Amino acid sequence: MAETLKADGGRLTTHVLDTATGKPAAGLSISLYHLDGEARTLLKTVVTNPDGRCDAPLLAGAEFRTGEYELVFAAGDYLRALQTKLPNPAFFDLILIRFGMADPVHYHVPLLVSPYGYSTYRGS
């Protein structure tokens, strides 16, 4: 079962870079879920700005809780909006990244995306 301790000092951020174009992935939809065992609760859905970032942290202050989370990046919709030629079905449509936050610190989960590959890491 996931830990859900209040941790006012923590925050969660992300950004998306399109490695096929060499530009920020503007207009990409991201959904954030909290995981508690088998339960998956949608916390919010945001869209990246022209810099490929969210206008505010996904979680911060009183909203931040330690535990397990999932970010779902709508890569297929983003690529189709750019009129990128994709197979049907797309090789990557939704990209799910599950991760845990154990301490009340800054967690940054960036995504590098292209039609046939992606990469992520714990950023700073």
N, C-alpha and C. Protein backbone atom coordinates (compact mmCIF):
# COMPACT_ATOMS: atom_id res chain seq x y z
N MET A 1 0.85 -1.17 0.00
CA MET A 1 0.00 0.00 0.00
C MET A 1 0.89 1.24 0.00
N ALA A 2 0.53 2.24 -0.76
CA ALA A 2 1.34 3.44 -0.93
C ALA A 2 1.29 4.33 0.30
N GLU A 3 2.41 4.95 0.60
CA GLU A 3 2.51 5.92 1.69
C GLU A 3 1.90 7.24 1.22
N THR A 4 1.14 7.91 2.06
CA THR A 4 0.55 9.18 1.67
C THR A 4 0.75 10.23 2.77
N LEU A 5 1.97 10.38 3.22
CA LEU A 5 2.27 11.37 4.24
C LEU A 5 2.28 12.77 3.65
N LYS A 6 1.74 13.73 4.38
CA LYS A 6 1.80 15.12 3.94
C LYS A 6 3.24 15.59 4.03
N ALA A 7 3.68 16.29 2.99
CA ALA A 7 5.06 16.77 2.95
C ALA A 7 5.06 18.12 2.26
N ASP A 8 4.83 19.19 3.04
CA ASP A 8 4.66 20.52 2.47
C ASP A 8 5.85 21.01 1.66
N GLY A 9 7.06 20.48 1.88
CA GLY A 9 8.22 20.98 1.17
C GLY A 9 8.44 20.37 -0.19
N GLY A 10 7.71 19.34 -0.57
CA GLY A 10 7.95 18.66 -1.83
C GLY A 10 7.23 19.29 -3.00
N ARG A 11 7.71 18.94 -4.21
CA ARG A 11 7.00 19.35 -5.42
C ARG A 11 7.36 18.39 -6.54
N LEU A 12 6.47 18.33 -7.53
CA LEU A 12 6.64 17.48 -8.69
C LEU A 12 6.51 18.33 -9.94
N THR A 13 7.50 18.24 -10.82
CA THR A 13 7.47 18.96 -12.09
C THR A 13 7.85 18.00 -13.22
N THR A 14 7.55 18.44 -14.45
CA THR A 14 7.93 17.68 -15.63
C THR A 14 8.10 18.65 -16.79
N HIS A 15 8.72 18.19 -17.83
CA HIS A 15 8.71 18.90 -19.10
C HIS A 15 8.97 17.88 -20.19
N VAL A 16 8.62 18.25 -21.43
CA VAL A 16 8.71 17.31 -22.55
C VAL A 16 9.46 17.98 -23.69
N LEU A 17 10.44 17.26 -24.20
CA LEU A 17 11.20 17.71 -25.37
C LEU A 17 10.98 16.73 -26.51
N ASP A 18 10.75 17.26 -27.70
CA ASP A 18 10.54 16.47 -28.91
C ASP A 18 11.90 16.27 -29.58
N THR A 19 12.46 15.09 -29.46
CA THR A 19 13.80 14.86 -30.00
C THR A 19 13.80 14.71 -31.52
N ALA A 20 12.65 14.49 -32.12
CA ALA A 20 12.58 14.40 -33.59
C ALA A 20 12.67 15.79 -34.22
N THR A 21 12.12 16.80 -33.55
CA THR A 21 12.16 18.16 -34.09
C THR A 21 13.22 19.03 -33.43
N GLY A 22 13.73 18.58 -32.28
CA GLY A 22 14.69 19.37 -31.54
C GLY A 22 14.07 20.55 -30.83
N LYS A 23 12.77 20.46 -30.54
CA LYS A 23 12.05 21.57 -29.92
C LYS A 23 11.27 21.09 -28.70
N PRO A 24 10.85 22.02 -27.85
CA PRO A 24 9.95 21.65 -26.76
C PRO A 24 8.64 21.10 -27.33
N ALA A 25 8.04 20.17 -26.61
CA ALA A 25 6.77 19.56 -27.03
C ALA A 25 5.62 20.38 -26.48
N ALA A 26 5.24 21.42 -27.20
CA ALA A 26 4.14 22.29 -26.79
C ALA A 26 2.80 21.65 -27.12
N GLY A 27 1.84 21.77 -26.22
CA GLY A 27 0.49 21.26 -26.47
C GLY A 27 0.31 19.79 -26.20
N LEU A 28 1.22 19.16 -25.46
CA LEU A 28 1.12 17.74 -25.14
C LEU A 28 0.35 17.58 -23.83
N SER A 29 -0.67 16.75 -23.83
CA SER A 29 -1.50 16.51 -22.65
C SER A 29 -0.83 15.49 -21.74
N ILE A 30 -0.85 15.80 -20.43
CA ILE A 30 -0.26 14.93 -19.40
C ILE A 30 -1.28 14.73 -18.30
N SER A 31 -1.51 13.48 -17.93
CA SER A 31 -2.39 13.17 -16.80
C SER A 31 -1.56 12.62 -15.66
N LEU A 32 -1.86 13.07 -14.45
CA LEU A 32 -1.18 12.61 -13.25
C LEU A 32 -2.13 11.78 -12.41
N TYR A 33 -1.68 10.57 -12.05
CA TYR A 33 -2.47 9.65 -11.23
C TYR A 33 -1.73 9.35 -9.94
N HIS A 34 -2.48 9.19 -8.85
CA HIS A 34 -1.93 8.67 -7.60
C HIS A 34 -2.30 7.19 -7.54
N LEU A 35 -1.35 6.37 -7.15
CA LEU A 35 -1.56 4.92 -7.05
C LEU A 35 -1.61 4.52 -5.58
N ASP A 36 -2.58 3.69 -5.26
CA ASP A 36 -2.70 3.15 -3.90
C ASP A 36 -3.10 1.69 -4.05
N GLY A 37 -2.10 0.82 -4.04
CA GLY A 37 -2.35 -0.59 -4.32
C GLY A 37 -2.85 -0.72 -5.75
N GLU A 38 -4.01 -1.31 -5.94
CA GLU A 38 -4.60 -1.44 -7.27
C GLU A 38 -5.41 -0.22 -7.69
N ALA A 39 -5.67 0.67 -6.75
CA ALA A 39 -6.47 1.87 -7.04
C ALA A 39 -5.60 2.91 -7.76
N ARG A 40 -6.18 3.53 -8.76
CA ARG A 40 -5.50 4.55 -9.59
C ARG A 40 -6.45 5.74 -9.65
N THR A 41 -6.05 6.87 -9.06
CA THR A 41 -6.90 8.05 -8.97
C THR A 41 -6.32 9.18 -9.80
N LEU A 42 -7.11 9.69 -10.74
CA LEU A 42 -6.68 10.83 -11.54
C LEU A 42 -6.68 12.08 -10.67
N LEU A 43 -5.52 12.74 -10.61
CA LEU A 43 -5.40 13.97 -9.82
C LEU A 43 -5.59 15.21 -10.69
N LYS A 44 -5.02 15.20 -11.89
CA LYS A 44 -5.19 16.35 -12.79
C LYS A 44 -4.67 15.99 -14.17
N THR A 45 -5.13 16.80 -15.13
CA THR A 45 -4.63 16.73 -16.51
C THR A 45 -4.22 18.14 -16.89
N VAL A 46 -3.03 18.25 -17.47
CA VAL A 46 -2.48 19.55 -17.87
C VAL A 46 -1.98 19.44 -19.31
N VAL A 47 -1.70 20.58 -19.91
CA VAL A 47 -1.16 20.63 -21.27
C VAL A 47 0.12 21.47 -21.22
N THR A 48 1.16 20.99 -21.89
CA THR A 48 2.43 21.72 -21.87
C THR A 48 2.33 23.05 -22.61
N ASN A 49 3.08 24.02 -22.12
CA ASN A 49 3.11 25.36 -22.71
C ASN A 49 4.13 25.40 -23.87
N PRO A 50 4.36 26.53 -24.51
CA PRO A 50 5.29 26.59 -25.64
C PRO A 50 6.72 26.16 -25.32
N ASP A 51 7.08 26.16 -24.02
CA ASP A 51 8.41 25.72 -23.60
C ASP A 51 8.43 24.22 -23.28
N GLY A 52 7.30 23.52 -23.49
CA GLY A 52 7.23 22.09 -23.19
C GLY A 52 7.08 21.81 -21.70
N ARG A 53 6.79 22.83 -20.93
CA ARG A 53 6.65 22.70 -19.49
C ARG A 53 5.20 22.96 -19.06
N CYS A 54 4.92 22.63 -17.83
CA CYS A 54 3.62 22.96 -17.24
C CYS A 54 3.74 24.34 -16.62
N ASP A 55 2.65 25.09 -16.61
CA ASP A 55 2.68 26.45 -16.08
C ASP A 55 2.90 26.49 -14.57
N ALA A 56 2.63 25.40 -13.89
CA ALA A 56 2.82 25.31 -12.43
C ALA A 56 3.25 23.88 -12.11
N PRO A 57 3.85 23.67 -10.93
CA PRO A 57 4.18 22.29 -10.54
C PRO A 57 2.92 21.41 -10.56
N LEU A 58 3.11 20.15 -10.88
CA LEU A 58 1.99 19.20 -10.86
C LEU A 58 1.50 18.98 -9.43
N LEU A 59 2.42 18.95 -8.50
CA LEU A 59 2.10 18.86 -7.08
C LEU A 59 3.06 19.78 -6.34
N ALA A 60 2.56 20.48 -5.35
CA ALA A 60 3.41 21.34 -4.53
C ALA A 60 2.68 21.68 -3.24
N GLY A 61 3.44 22.04 -2.24
CA GLY A 61 2.86 22.47 -0.98
C GLY A 61 1.97 21.41 -0.37
N ALA A 62 0.79 21.82 0.04
CA ALA A 62 -0.14 20.91 0.71
C ALA A 62 -0.66 19.80 -0.19
N GLU A 63 -0.59 19.99 -1.53
CA GLU A 63 -1.03 18.93 -2.47
C GLU A 63 -0.04 17.77 -2.53
N PHE A 64 1.22 18.03 -2.22
CA PHE A 64 2.27 17.02 -2.36
C PHE A 64 2.14 15.95 -1.28
N ARG A 65 2.18 14.71 -1.69
CA ARG A 65 2.19 13.56 -0.78
C ARG A 65 3.23 12.58 -1.30
N THR A 66 3.94 11.95 -0.39
CA THR A 66 4.82 10.87 -0.81
C THR A 66 3.96 9.70 -1.26
N GLY A 67 4.53 8.80 -2.04
CA GLY A 67 3.80 7.64 -2.50
C GLY A 67 4.13 7.31 -3.94
N GLU A 68 3.27 6.51 -4.55
CA GLU A 68 3.48 6.06 -5.92
C GLU A 68 2.55 6.83 -6.85
N TYR A 69 3.11 7.20 -8.01
CA TYR A 69 2.38 8.01 -8.99
C TYR A 69 2.61 7.49 -10.39
N GLU A 70 1.81 8.00 -11.30
CA GLU A 70 1.96 7.67 -12.72
C GLU A 70 1.68 8.93 -13.53
N LEU A 71 2.57 9.22 -14.44
CA LEU A 71 2.35 10.27 -15.44
C LEU A 71 2.02 9.59 -16.75
N VAL A 72 0.97 10.05 -17.41
CA VAL A 72 0.57 9.50 -18.70
C VAL A 72 0.66 10.63 -19.73
N PHE A 73 1.58 10.47 -20.67
CA PHE A 73 1.83 11.47 -21.69
C PHE A 73 1.12 11.04 -22.98
N ALA A 74 0.28 11.90 -23.53
CA ALA A 74 -0.48 11.61 -24.74
C ALA A 74 0.38 11.91 -25.97
N ALA A 75 1.41 11.11 -26.16
CA ALA A 75 2.39 11.33 -27.23
C ALA A 75 1.77 11.19 -28.61
N GLY A 76 0.91 10.20 -28.80
CA GLY A 76 0.29 9.99 -30.11
C GLY A 76 -0.55 11.18 -30.54
N ASP A 77 -1.36 11.71 -29.65
CA ASP A 77 -2.18 12.89 -29.97
C ASP A 77 -1.29 14.08 -30.32
N TYR A 78 -0.22 14.26 -29.54
CA TYR A 78 0.71 15.35 -29.80
C TYR A 78 1.34 15.21 -31.19
N LEU A 79 1.83 14.03 -31.52
CA LEU A 79 2.48 13.80 -32.81
C LEU A 79 1.50 13.93 -33.97
N ARG A 80 0.28 13.43 -33.80
CA ARG A 80 -0.72 13.56 -34.86
C ARG A 80 -1.08 15.03 -35.09
N ALA A 81 -1.12 15.83 -34.01
CA ALA A 81 -1.42 17.26 -34.15
C ALA A 81 -0.34 17.98 -34.96
N LEU A 82 0.88 17.45 -34.93
CA LEU A 82 1.98 18.00 -35.74
C LEU A 82 1.97 17.46 -37.17
N GLN A 83 1.00 16.60 -37.45
CA GLN A 83 0.87 15.93 -38.74
C GLN A 83 2.05 15.00 -39.02
N THR A 84 2.59 14.43 -37.95
CA THR A 84 3.64 13.43 -38.07
C THR A 84 3.01 12.16 -38.62
N LYS A 85 3.62 11.59 -39.63
CA LYS A 85 3.11 10.34 -40.21
C LYS A 85 3.40 9.21 -39.23
N LEU A 86 2.32 8.59 -38.73
CA LEU A 86 2.43 7.49 -37.78
C LEU A 86 1.72 6.27 -38.33
N PRO A 87 2.20 5.07 -37.98
CA PRO A 87 1.46 3.87 -38.36
C PRO A 87 0.17 3.77 -37.57
N ASN A 88 -0.73 2.93 -38.00
CA ASN A 88 -1.98 2.71 -37.28
C ASN A 88 -2.04 1.26 -36.84
N PRO A 89 -1.90 0.96 -35.57
CA PRO A 89 -1.79 1.89 -34.45
C PRO A 89 -0.38 2.48 -34.35
N ALA A 90 -0.30 3.63 -33.66
CA ALA A 90 1.00 4.27 -33.44
C ALA A 90 1.88 3.37 -32.58
N PHE A 91 3.17 3.42 -32.82
CA PHE A 91 4.11 2.62 -32.03
C PHE A 91 4.03 3.02 -30.56
N PHE A 92 4.10 4.32 -30.27
CA PHE A 92 3.85 4.84 -28.92
C PHE A 92 2.67 5.79 -29.02
N ASP A 93 1.61 5.49 -28.29
CA ASP A 93 0.46 6.39 -28.25
C ASP A 93 0.42 7.07 -26.89
N LEU A 94 0.26 6.29 -25.86
CA LEU A 94 0.32 6.79 -24.48
C LEU A 94 1.61 6.27 -23.85
N ILE A 95 2.34 7.17 -23.22
CA ILE A 95 3.57 6.78 -22.52
C ILE A 95 3.30 6.92 -21.03
N LEU A 96 3.39 5.80 -20.31
CA LEU A 96 3.13 5.76 -18.88
C LEU A 96 4.44 5.65 -18.13
N ILE A 97 4.64 6.52 -17.17
CA ILE A 97 5.83 6.47 -16.33
C ILE A 97 5.38 6.36 -14.89
N ARG A 98 5.69 5.22 -14.25
CA ARG A 98 5.37 5.01 -12.84
C ARG A 98 6.61 5.29 -12.02
N PHE A 99 6.42 5.98 -10.91
CA PHE A 99 7.56 6.33 -10.08
C PHE A 99 7.08 6.54 -8.65
N GLY A 100 8.02 6.53 -7.73
CA GLY A 100 7.71 6.75 -6.33
C GLY A 100 8.41 7.99 -5.81
N MET A 101 7.75 8.65 -4.88
CA MET A 101 8.33 9.81 -4.21
C MET A 101 8.36 9.51 -2.72
N ALA A 102 9.57 9.31 -2.18
CA ALA A 102 9.73 8.88 -0.81
C ALA A 102 9.99 10.01 0.17
N ASP A 103 10.46 11.15 -0.32
CA ASP A 103 10.85 12.25 0.55
C ASP A 103 10.23 13.56 0.07
N PRO A 104 10.06 14.51 0.96
CA PRO A 104 9.48 15.82 0.60
C PRO A 104 10.52 16.74 -0.05
N VAL A 105 10.92 16.40 -1.27
CA VAL A 105 11.90 17.17 -2.02
C VAL A 105 11.35 17.44 -3.42
N HIS A 106 12.14 18.07 -4.26
CA HIS A 106 11.73 18.34 -5.64
C HIS A 106 11.99 17.11 -6.51
N TYR A 107 10.94 16.60 -7.13
CA TYR A 107 11.04 15.52 -8.10
C TYR A 107 10.73 16.11 -9.46
N HIS A 108 11.64 15.90 -10.40
CA HIS A 108 11.45 16.38 -11.77
C HIS A 108 11.54 15.17 -12.69
N VAL A 109 10.47 14.92 -13.46
CA VAL A 109 10.39 13.74 -14.33
C VAL A 109 10.21 14.22 -15.77
N PRO A 110 11.32 14.48 -16.48
CA PRO A 110 11.23 14.92 -17.86
C PRO A 110 11.02 13.75 -18.81
N LEU A 111 10.51 14.09 -20.00
CA LEU A 111 10.32 13.09 -21.05
C LEU A 111 10.93 13.62 -22.34
N LEU A 112 11.75 12.79 -22.97
CA LEU A 112 12.26 13.05 -24.31
C LEU A 112 11.50 12.10 -25.22
N VAL A 113 10.83 12.63 -26.25
CA VAL A 113 9.92 11.81 -27.04
C VAL A 113 10.16 11.98 -28.53
N SER A 114 9.93 10.90 -29.27
CA SER A 114 9.92 10.90 -30.73
C SER A 114 8.91 9.82 -31.15
N PRO A 115 8.60 9.71 -32.44
CA PRO A 115 7.60 8.71 -32.84
C PRO A 115 7.97 7.27 -32.51
N TYR A 116 9.27 6.96 -32.39
CA TYR A 116 9.67 5.57 -32.17
C TYR A 116 10.57 5.37 -30.96
N GLY A 117 10.59 6.34 -30.07
CA GLY A 117 11.39 6.17 -28.87
C GLY A 117 11.10 7.24 -27.84
N TYR A 118 11.44 6.93 -26.60
CA TYR A 118 11.34 7.92 -25.54
C TYR A 118 12.35 7.58 -24.45
N SER A 119 12.65 8.58 -23.65
CA SER A 119 13.58 8.41 -22.54
C SER A 119 13.12 9.30 -21.40
N THR A 120 13.39 8.87 -20.20
CA THR A 120 13.08 9.67 -19.02
C THR A 120 14.15 9.43 -17.97
N TYR A 121 14.16 10.26 -16.97
CA TYR A 121 15.14 10.15 -15.90
C TYR A 121 14.67 11.04 -14.75
N ARG A 122 15.30 10.91 -13.61
CA ARG A 122 14.99 11.84 -12.52
C ARG A 122 15.89 13.07 -12.71
N GLY A 123 15.26 14.15 -13.06
CA GLY A 123 15.99 15.39 -13.30
C GLY A 123 16.15 16.21 -12.04
N SER A 124 16.57 17.42 -12.23
CA SER A 124 16.78 18.30 -11.07
C SER A 124 16.08 19.63 -11.30
